[in-house]
PDB file of N, CA and C in Angstrom:
ATOM      1  N   MET A   1     119.154 118.993 122.707  1.00  0.00           N
ATOM      2  CA  MET A   1     117.965 119.255 121.728  1.00  0.00           C
ATOM      3  C   MET A   1     117.571 120.563 121.656  1.00  0.00           C
ATOM      4  N   ALA A   2     118.100 121.363 122.312  1.00  0.00           N
ATOM      5  CA  ALA A   2     117.707 122.810 122.498  1.00  0.00           C
ATOM      6  C   ALA A   2     117.925 123.646 120.918  1.00  0.00           C
ATOM      7  N   GLY A   3     118.891 123.055 120.107  1.00  0.00           N
ATOM      8  CA  GLY A   3     119.130 123.715 118.882  1.00  0.00           C
ATOM      9  C   GLY A   3     118.283 123.353 117.867  1.00  0.00           C
ATOM     10  N   ILE A   4     117.560 122.099 117.930  1.00  0.00           N
ATOM     11  CA  ILE A   4     116.903 121.586 117.035  1.00  0.00           C
ATOM     12  C   ILE A   4     115.459 122.262 117.270  1.00  0.00           C
ATOM     13  N   MET A   5     115.212 122.856 118.515  1.00  0.00           N
ATOM     14  CA  MET A   5     113.657 123.484 118.804  1.00  0.00           C
ATOM     15  C   MET A   5     113.410 124.729 118.182  1.00  0.00           C
ATOM     16  N   ARG A   6     114.352 125.255 117.399  1.00  0.00           N
ATOM     17  CA  ARG A   6     114.043 126.245 116.446  1.00  0.00           C
ATOM     18  C   ARG A   6     113.945 125.920 115.054  1.00  0.00           C
ATOM     19  N   PHE A   7     113.987 124.687 114.629  1.00  0.00           N
ATOM     20  CA  PHE A   7     114.026 124.326 113.243  1.00  0.00           C
ATOM     21  C   PHE A   7     112.817 124.066 112.823  1.00  0.00           C
ATOM     22  N   LYS A   8     111.981 124.360 112.109  1.00  0.00           N
ATOM     23  CA  LYS A   8     110.896 124.082 111.494  1.00  0.00           C
ATOM     24  C   LYS A   8     110.811 123.704 110.017  1.00  0.00           C
ATOM     25  N   PRO A   9     110.471 122.571 109.675  1.00  0.00           N
ATOM     26  CA  PRO A   9     110.465 122.047 108.306  1.00  0.00           C
ATOM     27  C   PRO A   9     109.455 122.851 107.419  1.00  0.00           C
ATOM     28  N   LEU A  10     109.655 122.671 106.196  1.00  0.00           N
ATOM     29  CA  LEU A  10     108.677 123.270 105.330  1.00  0.00           C
ATOM     30  C   LEU A  10     107.630 122.440 104.691  1.00  0.00           C
ATOM     31  N   PHE A  11     106.706 123.200 104.458  1.00  0.00           N
ATOM     32  CA  PHE A  11     105.545 122.481 103.857  1.00  0.00           C
ATOM     33  C   PHE A  11     104.939 121.036 104.648  1.00  0.00           C
ATOM     34  N   ASP A  12     105.071 119.820 103.858  1.00  0.00           N
ATOM     35  CA  ASP A  12     104.539 118.868 104.215  1.00  0.00           C
ATOM     36  C   ASP A  12     105.855 117.668 104.795  1.00  0.00           C
ATOM     37  N   ARG A  13     107.011 118.454 105.069  1.00  0.00           N
ATOM     38  CA  ARG A  13     108.034 117.839 105.742  1.00  0.00           C
ATOM     39  C   ARG A  13     107.992 117.526 107.338  1.00  0.00           C
ATOM     40  N   VAL A  14     108.665 116.241 107.360  1.00  0.00           N
ATOM     41  CA  VAL A  14     108.436 116.026 108.987  1.00  0.00           C
ATOM     42  C   VAL A  14     109.788 115.664 109.496  1.00  0.00           C
ATOM     43  N   LEU A  15     110.309 116.288 110.746  1.00  0.00           N
ATOM     44  CA  LEU A  15     111.560 116.163 111.237  1.00  0.00           C
ATOM     45  C   LEU A  15     111.430 115.115 112.284  1.00  0.00           C
ATOM     46  N   VAL A  16     112.201 113.929 112.342  1.00  0.00           N
ATOM     47  CA  VAL A  16     112.124 112.703 113.236  1.00  0.00           C
ATOM     48  C   VAL A  16     113.735 112.384 113.711  1.00  0.00           C
ATOM     49  N   GLN A  17     113.692 111.786 114.986  1.00  0.00           N
ATOM     50  CA  GLN A  17     114.544 111.484 115.620  1.00  0.00           C
ATOM     51  C   GLN A  17     114.363 109.916 115.866  1.00  0.00           C
ATOM     52  N   ARG A  18     115.167 109.137 115.176  1.00  0.00           N
ATOM     53  CA  ARG A  18     115.181 107.521 115.364  1.00  0.00           C
ATOM     54  C   ARG A  18     114.962 107.277 116.931  1.00  0.00           C
ATOM     55  N   VAL A  19     114.360 105.845 116.905  1.00  0.00           N
ATOM     56  CA  VAL A  19     114.584 105.356 118.126  1.00  0.00           C
ATOM     57  C   VAL A  19     115.790 104.435 118.278  1.00  0.00           C
ATOM     58  N   VAL A  20     116.505 104.648 119.423  1.00  0.00           N
ATOM     59  CA  VAL A  20     117.990 104.030 119.671  1.00  0.00           C
ATOM     60  C   VAL A  20     117.744 102.385 119.967  1.00  0.00           C
ATOM     61  N   ALA A  21     118.400 101.550 118.878  1.00  0.00           N
ATOM     62  CA  ALA A  21     118.472 100.179 119.271  1.00  0.00           C
ATOM     63  C   ALA A  21     118.665  99.880 120.337  1.00  0.00           C
ATOM     64  N   GLU A  22     118.260  99.040 121.075  1.00  0.00           N
ATOM     65  CA  GLU A  22     118.808  97.964 122.089  1.00  0.00           C
ATOM     66  C   GLU A  22     120.241  97.372 121.785  1.00  0.00           C
ATOM     67  N   THR A  23     121.121  97.738 122.636  1.00  0.00           N
ATOM     68  CA  THR A  23     122.552  97.098 122.352  1.00  0.00           C
ATOM     69  C   THR A  23     122.623  95.994 123.389  1.00  0.00           C
ATOM     70  N   THR A  24     121.579  95.673 124.175  1.00  0.00           N
ATOM     71  CA  THR A  24     121.956  94.442 125.193  1.00  0.00           C
ATOM     72  C   THR A  24     120.827  93.733 125.106  1.00  0.00           C
ATOM     73  N   SER A  25     120.922  92.108 125.405  1.00  0.00           N
ATOM     74  CA  SER A  25     119.511  91.501 125.061  1.00  0.00           C
ATOM     75  C   SER A  25     119.196  91.484 126.506  1.00  0.00           C
ATOM     76  N   LYS A  26     118.288  90.866 126.580  1.00  0.00           N
ATOM     77  CA  LYS A  26     117.255  90.829 127.802  1.00  0.00           C
ATOM     78  C   LYS A  26     118.074  89.855 128.763  1.00  0.00           C
ATOM     79  N   GLY A  27     119.040  89.107 128.630  1.00  0.00           N
ATOM     80  CA  GLY A  27     119.636  88.505 129.542  1.00  0.00           C
ATOM     81  C   GLY A  27     121.213  89.091 129.948  1.00  0.00           C
ATOM     82  N   GLY A  28     121.369  90.455 129.118  1.00  0.00           N
ATOM     83  CA  GLY A  28     122.234  91.222 129.675  1.00  0.00           C
ATOM     84  C   GLY A  28     123.790  91.087 128.736  1.00  0.00           C
ATOM     85  N   ILE A  29     123.566  90.254 127.591  1.00  0.00           N
ATOM     86  CA  ILE A  29     124.515  90.082 126.662  1.00  0.00           C
ATOM     87  C   ILE A  29     124.532  91.195 125.502  1.00  0.00           C
ATOM     88  N   MET A  30     126.027  91.656 125.292  1.00  0.00           N
ATOM     89  CA  MET A  30     126.314  92.989 124.561  1.00  0.00           C
ATOM     90  C   MET A  30     125.743  92.181 123.268  1.00  0.00           C
ATOM     91  N   LEU A  31     125.257  93.225 122.097  1.00  0.00           N
ATOM     92  CA  LEU A  31     124.906  92.663 120.868  1.00  0.00           C
ATOM     93  C   LEU A  31     125.632  93.761 120.110  1.00  0.00           C
ATOM     94  N   PRO A  32     126.674  92.897 118.919  1.00  0.00           N
ATOM     95  CA  PRO A  32     127.194  93.589 117.937  1.00  0.00           C
ATOM     96  C   PRO A  32     126.606  94.816 117.339  1.00  0.00           C
ATOM     97  N   GLU A  33     126.615  95.771 116.906  1.00  0.00           N
ATOM     98  CA  GLU A  33     126.261  96.875 116.294  1.00  0.00           C
ATOM     99  C   GLU A  33     125.442  96.372 114.991  1.00  0.00           C
ATOM    100  N   LYS A  34     126.112  95.444 114.457  1.00  0.00           N
ATOM    101  CA  LYS A  34     125.668  95.107 112.985  1.00  0.00           C
ATOM    102  C   LYS A  34     124.301  94.010 113.033  1.00  0.00           C
ATOM    103  N   SER A  35     124.436  93.245 114.307  1.00  0.00           N
ATOM    104  CA  SER A  35     123.397  92.289 114.616  1.00  0.00           C
ATOM    105  C   SER A  35     121.902  92.998 115.109  1.00  0.00           C
ATOM    106  N   VAL A  36     122.238  94.423 115.563  1.00  0.00           N
ATOM    107  CA  VAL A  36     121.181  95.105 115.687  1.00  0.00           C
ATOM    108  C   VAL A  36     120.186  95.410 114.631  1.00  0.00           C
ATOM    109  N   GLY A  37     120.872  96.055 113.576  1.00  0.00           N
ATOM    110  CA  GLY A  37     120.002  96.375 112.444  1.00  0.00           C
ATOM    111  C   GLY A  37     119.699  98.053 112.556  1.00  0.00           C
ATOM    112  N   LYS A  38     118.906  98.317 111.109  1.00  0.00           N
ATOM    113  CA  LYS A  38     118.504  99.815 111.334  1.00  0.00           C
ATOM    114  C   LYS A  38     117.238  99.917 111.902  1.00  0.00           C
ATOM    115  N   MET A  39     117.184 100.910 113.061  1.00  0.00           N
ATOM    116  CA  MET A  39     115.571 101.012 113.273  1.00  0.00           C
ATOM    117  C   MET A  39     114.587 101.890 112.786  1.00  0.00           C
ATOM    118  N   LEU A  40     113.584 101.245 112.445  1.00  0.00           N
ATOM    119  CA  LEU A  40     112.627 102.010 111.360  1.00  0.00           C
ATOM    120  C   LEU A  40     111.700 102.917 112.049  1.00  0.00           C
ATOM    121  N   GLN A  41     111.763 102.636 113.437  1.00  0.00           N
ATOM    122  CA  GLN A  41     110.817 103.492 114.340  1.00  0.00           C
ATOM    123  C   GLN A  41     111.460 104.808 114.774  1.00  0.00           C
ATOM    124  N   ALA A  42     110.649 105.927 114.693  1.00  0.00           N
ATOM    125  CA  ALA A  42     111.028 107.233 115.150  1.00  0.00           C
ATOM    126  C   ALA A  42     110.103 108.231 115.934  1.00  0.00           C
ATOM    127  N   THR A  43     110.559 109.178 116.421  1.00  0.00           N
ATOM    128  CA  THR A  43     109.585 110.134 117.068  1.00  0.00           C
ATOM    129  C   THR A  43     109.666 111.424 116.264  1.00  0.00           C
ATOM    130  N   VAL A  44     108.262 111.911 116.099  1.00  0.00           N
ATOM    131  CA  VAL A  44     108.369 113.128 115.502  1.00  0.00           C
ATOM    132  C   VAL A  44     108.722 114.230 116.458  1.00  0.00           C
ATOM    133  N   VAL A  45     109.781 114.969 115.875  1.00  0.00           N
ATOM    134  CA  VAL A  45     110.463 116.230 116.572  1.00  0.00           C
ATOM    135  C   VAL A  45     109.827 117.602 116.111  1.00  0.00           C
ATOM    136  N   ALA A  46     109.563 118.070 114.591  1.00  0.00           N
ATOM    137  CA  ALA A  46     108.895 118.946 114.408  1.00  0.00           C
ATOM    138  C   ALA A  46     107.955 118.770 113.227  1.00  0.00           C
ATOM    139  N   VAL A  47     107.017 119.676 112.758  1.00  0.00           N
ATOM    140  CA  VAL A  47     106.330 119.301 111.415  1.00  0.00           C
ATOM    141  C   VAL A  47     105.942 120.644 110.508  1.00  0.00           C
ATOM    142  N   GLY A  48     106.075 120.600 109.548  1.00  0.00           N
ATOM    143  CA  GLY A  48     105.901 121.671 108.645  1.00  0.00           C
ATOM    144  C   GLY A  48     104.246 122.330 108.540  1.00  0.00           C
ATOM    145  N   ASP A  49     104.024 123.601 108.031  1.00  0.00           N
ATOM    146  CA  ASP A  49     102.534 123.340 108.112  1.00  0.00           C
ATOM    147  C   ASP A  49     101.708 122.843 107.267  1.00  0.00           C
ATOM    148  N   GLY A  50     102.105 122.100 106.247  1.00  0.00           N
ATOM    149  CA  GLY A  50     101.532 121.173 105.335  1.00  0.00           C
ATOM    150  C   GLY A  50     101.550 121.472 103.704  1.00  0.00           C
ATOM    151  N   ALA A  51     101.235 120.676 103.081  1.00  0.00           N
ATOM    152  CA  ALA A  51     101.301 121.045 101.545  1.00  0.00           C
ATOM    153  C   ALA A  51     100.233 121.788 101.135  1.00  0.00           C
ATOM    154  N   LEU A  52     100.591 122.695  99.845  1.00  0.00           N
ATOM    155  CA  LEU A  52      99.302 123.430  99.260  1.00  0.00           C
ATOM    156  C   LEU A  52      98.964 122.585  98.200  1.00  0.00           C
ATOM    157  N   ASP A  53      97.518 122.511  97.966  1.00  0.00           N
ATOM    158  CA  ASP A  53      96.418 122.055  97.117  1.00  0.00           C
ATOM    159  C   ASP A  53      96.879 123.149  95.793  1.00  0.00           C
ATOM    160  N   LYS A  54      95.869 122.453  94.674  1.00  0.00           N
ATOM    161  CA  LYS A  54      96.018 123.394  93.622  1.00  0.00           C
ATOM    162  C   LYS A  54      95.347 124.629  93.501  1.00  0.00           C
ATOM    163  N   LYS A  55      94.787 124.961  94.664  1.00  0.00           N
ATOM    164  CA  LYS A  55      94.069 126.356  94.848  1.00  0.00           C
ATOM    165  C   LYS A  55      95.013 127.140  96.053  1.00  0.00           C
ATOM    166  N   GLY A  56      95.853 126.771  96.218  1.00  0.00           N
ATOM    167  CA  GLY A  56      97.009 127.535  97.150  1.00  0.00           C
ATOM    168  C   GLY A  56      96.922 127.240  98.700  1.00  0.00           C
ATOM    169  N   ARG A  57      95.586 126.129  99.227  1.00  0.00           N
ATOM    170  CA  ARG A  57      95.240 126.206 100.238  1.00  0.00           C
ATOM    171  C   ARG A  57      96.014 124.962 100.991  1.00  0.00           C
ATOM    172  N   SER A  58      96.251 125.255 102.304  1.00  0.00           N
ATOM    173  CA  SER A  58      97.251 124.160 102.921  1.00  0.00           C
ATOM    174  C   SER A  58      96.752 123.218 103.658  1.00  0.00           C
ATOM    175  N   ILE A  59      97.157 121.724 103.184  1.00  0.00           N
ATOM    176  CA  ILE A  59      96.636 120.443 103.461  1.00  0.00           C
ATOM    177  C   ILE A  59      97.561 120.243 104.647  1.00  0.00           C
ATOM    178  N   PRO A  60      96.739 120.266 106.237  1.00  0.00           N
ATOM    179  CA  PRO A  60      97.631 119.791 107.210  1.00  0.00           C
ATOM    180  C   PRO A  60      98.254 118.717 107.350  1.00  0.00           C
ATOM    181  N   VAL A  61      99.542 118.352 107.892  1.00  0.00           N
ATOM    182  CA  VAL A  61      99.888 117.354 108.157  1.00  0.00           C
ATOM    183  C   VAL A  61      99.307 116.652 109.201  1.00  0.00           C
ATOM    184  N   SER A  62      99.328 114.890 108.847  1.00  0.00           N
ATOM    185  CA  SER A  62      98.602 114.085 109.818  1.00  0.00           C
ATOM    186  C   SER A  62      99.232 113.556 110.818  1.00  0.00           C
ATOM    187  N   VAL A  63     100.518 114.035 111.210  1.00  0.00           N
ATOM    188  CA  VAL A  63     101.439 113.658 112.674  1.00  0.00           C
ATOM    189  C   VAL A  63     101.575 114.730 113.304  1.00  0.00           C
ATOM    190  N   ALA A  64     101.739 114.709 114.495  1.00  0.00           N
ATOM    191  CA  ALA A  64     102.050 115.991 115.261  1.00  0.00           C
ATOM    192  C   ALA A  64     103.151 115.659 116.120  1.00  0.00           C
ATOM    193  N   VAL A  65     103.913 116.625 116.644  1.00  0.00           N
ATOM    194  CA  VAL A  65     105.093 116.405 117.395  1.00  0.00           C
ATOM    195  C   VAL A  65     104.783 115.262 118.853  1.00  0.00           C
ATOM    196  N   GLY A  66     105.624 114.634 118.666  1.00  0.00           N
ATOM    197  CA  GLY A  66     105.625 113.564 119.875  1.00  0.00           C
ATOM    198  C   GLY A  66     105.190 112.193 119.165  1.00  0.00           C
ATOM    199  N   ASP A  67     104.661 112.080 118.032  1.00  0.00           N
ATOM    200  CA  ASP A  67     103.886 110.942 117.674  1.00  0.00           C
ATOM    201  C   ASP A  67     104.993 109.949 117.507  1.00  0.00           C
ATOM    202  N   SER A  68     104.563 108.708 117.459  1.00  0.00           N
ATOM    203  CA  SER A  68     105.707 107.578 116.987  1.00  0.00           C
ATOM    204  C   SER A  68     105.315 106.917 115.535  1.00  0.00           C
ATOM    205  N   VAL A  69     106.544 107.166 114.860  1.00  0.00           N
ATOM    206  CA  VAL A  69     105.960 106.698 113.038  1.00  0.00           C
ATOM    207  C   VAL A  69     106.953 105.447 112.680  1.00  0.00           C
ATOM    208  N   LEU A  70     106.623 105.069 111.639  1.00  0.00           N
ATOM    209  CA  LEU A  70     107.480 103.984 111.015  1.00  0.00           C
ATOM    210  C   LEU A  70     107.905 104.645 109.656  1.00  0.00           C
ATOM    211  N   LEU A  71     109.342 104.423 109.678  1.00  0.00           N
ATOM    212  CA  LEU A  71     109.801 104.973 108.704  1.00  0.00           C
ATOM    213  C   LEU A  71     110.238 103.883 107.442  1.00  0.00           C
ATOM    214  N   PRO A  72     110.433 104.383 106.098  1.00  0.00           N
ATOM    215  CA  PRO A  72     110.775 103.745 105.263  1.00  0.00           C
ATOM    216  C   PRO A  72     112.401 103.095 105.340  1.00  0.00           C
ATOM    217  N   GLU A  73     112.759 102.019 104.810  1.00  0.00           N
ATOM    218  CA  GLU A  73     114.224 101.483 105.539  1.00  0.00           C
ATOM    219  C   GLU A  73     115.408 102.461 104.607  1.00  0.00           C
ATOM    220  N   TYR A  74     114.898 102.849 103.643  1.00  0.00           N
ATOM    221  CA  TYR A  74     115.882 104.031 103.044  1.00  0.00           C
ATOM    222  C   TYR A  74     115.099 105.359 102.483  1.00  0.00           C
ATOM    223  N   GLY A  75     115.874 106.406 102.442  1.00  0.00           N
ATOM    224  CA  GLY A  75     115.219 107.996 101.959  1.00  0.00           C
ATOM    225  C   GLY A  75     115.177 108.738 103.276  1.00  0.00           C
ATOM    226  N   GLY A  76     115.051 109.845 103.139  1.00  0.00           N
ATOM    227  CA  GLY A  76     115.086 110.866 104.082  1.00  0.00           C
ATOM    228  C   GLY A  76     116.299 111.675 103.974  1.00  0.00           C
ATOM    229  N   THR A  77     116.363 112.921 104.669  1.00  0.00           N
ATOM    230  CA  THR A  77     117.960 113.685 104.408  1.00  0.00           C
ATOM    231  C   THR A  77     118.183 113.488 106.255  1.00  0.00           C
ATOM    232  N   LYS A  78     119.331 113.181 106.413  1.00  0.00           N
ATOM    233  CA  LYS A  78     120.047 113.152 107.546  1.00  0.00           C
ATOM    234  C   LYS A  78     120.810 114.575 107.913  1.00  0.00           C
ATOM    235  N   ILE A  79     120.598 115.135 109.198  1.00  0.00           N
ATOM    236  CA  ILE A  79     120.976 115.893 109.666  1.00  0.00           C
ATOM    237  C   ILE A  79     121.639 116.019 111.027  1.00  0.00           C
ATOM    238  N   GLU A  80     122.609 116.754 111.205  1.00  0.00           N
ATOM    239  CA  GLU A  80     123.024 116.534 112.622  1.00  0.00           C
ATOM    240  C   GLU A  80     123.187 117.758 113.317  1.00  0.00           C
ATOM    241  N   VAL A  81     122.316 117.872 114.775  1.00  0.00           N
ATOM    242  CA  VAL A  81     122.566 119.147 115.386  1.00  0.00           C
ATOM    243  C   VAL A  81     123.155 118.732 117.034  1.00  0.00           C
ATOM    244  N   ASN A  82     124.253 119.192 117.351  1.00  0.00           N
ATOM    245  CA  ASN A  82     124.717 119.289 118.576  1.00  0.00           C
ATOM    246  C   ASN A  82     124.992 117.607 118.972  1.00  0.00           C
ATOM    247  N   ASN A  83     125.684 117.165 118.049  1.00  0.00           N
ATOM    248  CA  ASN A  83     125.857 115.611 118.006  1.00  0.00           C
ATOM    249  C   ASN A  83     124.363 114.762 118.032  1.00  0.00           C
ATOM    250  N   GLU A  84     123.820 115.386 117.624  1.00  0.00           N
ATOM    251  CA  GLU A  84     122.398 114.256 117.465  1.00  0.00           C
ATOM    252  C   GLU A  84     122.037 114.270 116.089  1.00  0.00           C
ATOM    253  N   GLU A  85     121.588 112.919 115.695  1.00  0.00           N
ATOM    254  CA  GLU A  85     120.971 112.718 114.456  1.00  0.00           C
ATOM    255  C   GLU A  85     119.570 112.901 114.215  1.00  0.00           C
ATOM    256  N   PHE A  86     119.072 113.534 113.081  1.00  0.00           N
ATOM    257  CA  PHE A  86     117.931 113.709 112.819  1.00  0.00           C
ATOM    258  C   PHE A  86     117.643 113.480 111.339  1.00  0.00           C
ATOM    259  N   HIS A  87     116.252 113.168 111.073  1.00  0.00           N
ATOM    260  CA  HIS A  87     116.129 112.934 109.631  1.00  0.00           C
ATOM    261  C   HIS A  87     114.892 113.973 109.160  1.00  0.00           C
ATOM    262  N   ILE A  88     114.691 113.882 107.959  1.00  0.00           N
ATOM    263  CA  ILE A  88     113.826 115.062 107.245  1.00  0.00           C
ATOM    264  C   ILE A  88     113.076 113.989 106.399  1.00  0.00           C
ATOM    265  N   PHE A  89     111.716 113.858 106.361  1.00  0.00           N
ATOM    266  CA  PHE A  89     111.049 113.189 105.628  1.00  0.00           C
ATOM    267  C   PHE A  89     109.892 114.056 105.216  1.00  0.00           C
ATOM    268  N   ARG A  90     108.947 113.643 103.742  1.00  0.00           N
ATOM    269  CA  ARG A  90     108.029 113.886 103.332  1.00  0.00           C
ATOM    270  C   ARG A  90     107.038 113.310 103.979  1.00  0.00           C
ATOM    271  N   GLU A  91     105.856 114.082 104.337  1.00  0.00           N
ATOM    272  CA  GLU A  91     104.839 113.193 105.239  1.00  0.00           C
ATOM    273  C   GLU A  91     104.443 112.052 104.310  1.00  0.00           C
ATOM    274  N   ALA A  92     104.177 112.046 102.943  1.00  0.00           N
ATOM    275  CA  ALA A  92     103.656 111.121 102.089  1.00  0.00           C
ATOM    276  C   ALA A  92     104.942 109.982 102.273  1.00  0.00           C
ATOM    277  N   ASP A  93     105.996 109.990 102.661  1.00  0.00           N
ATOM    278  CA  ASP A  93     107.146 108.959 102.730  1.00  0.00           C
ATOM    279  C   ASP A  93     106.736 108.264 104.075  1.00  0.00           C
ATOM    280  N   LEU A  94     106.439 108.618 104.963  1.00  0.00           N
ATOM    281  CA  LEU A  94     106.224 107.826 106.259  1.00  0.00           C
ATOM    282  C   LEU A  94     105.199 106.751 106.338  1.00  0.00           C
ATOM    283  N   LEU A  95     105.457 105.800 106.737  1.00  0.00           N
ATOM    284  CA  LEU A  95     104.882 104.498 106.264  1.00  0.00           C
ATOM    285  C   LEU A  95     103.382 104.217 107.448  1.00  0.00           C
ATOM    286  N   GLY A  96     103.705 104.938 108.450  1.00  0.00           N
ATOM    287  CA  GLY A  96     102.393 104.633 109.307  1.00  0.00           C
ATOM    288  C   GLY A  96     102.786 105.395 110.956  1.00  0.00           C
ATOM    289  N   LYS A  97     101.663 105.421 111.422  1.00  0.00           N
ATOM    290  CA  LYS A  97     102.001 105.879 112.896  1.00  0.00           C
ATOM    291  C   LYS A  97     101.383 105.035 114.083  1.00  0.00           C
ATOM    292  N   PHE A  98     101.824 104.957 115.127  1.00  0.00           N
ATOM    293  CA  PHE A  98     101.705 103.924 116.031  1.00  0.00           C
ATOM    294  C   PHE A  98     100.738 104.675 116.802  1.00  0.00           C
ATOM    295  N   ALA A  99      99.703 103.604 117.235  1.00  0.00           N
ATOM    296  CA  ALA A  99      98.852 104.224 118.222  1.00  0.00           C
ATOM    297  C   ALA A  99      99.308 104.398 119.619  1.00  0.00           C
ATOM    298  N   PRO A 100      99.054 105.338 120.515  1.00  0.00           N
ATOM    299  CA  PRO A 100      99.326 105.491 121.783  1.00  0.00           C
ATOM    300  C   PRO A 100      99.484 103.956 122.429  1.00  0.00           C
ATOM    301  N   ALA A 101      99.930 103.506 123.447  1.00  0.00           N
ATOM    302  CA  ALA A 101      99.686 102.562 124.401  1.00  0.00           C
ATOM    303  C   ALA A 101      98.631 102.916 125.232  1.00  0.00           C
ATOM    304  N   GLU A 102      97.789 101.713 125.481  1.00  0.00           N
ATOM    305  CA  GLU A 102      96.375 101.766 126.637  1.00  0.00           C
ATOM    306  C   GLU A 102      96.793 101.528 127.704  1.00  0.00           C
TER     307      GLU A 102
END
């Protein structure tokens, strides 16, 4: 992930890395890739400075690096760096943020 550390999204965009789906069941059975489905949870890797309002002031992004977020099923822009897959979304496209476990 060293190459991606120098990447900073513009404005209200958020760079995320999807959570990897489990490929084995709790009983140890290997699950086929198609049965696992697309993971909609991701970890925020980088955030932009925020969108600009009509007066040119920056509106800060409401997520931070390390936050766990819920993604829409479709959308975003996929990029690949050092054989790792990342996605860029506008902050408004993110569906929610998971609260940290207590």
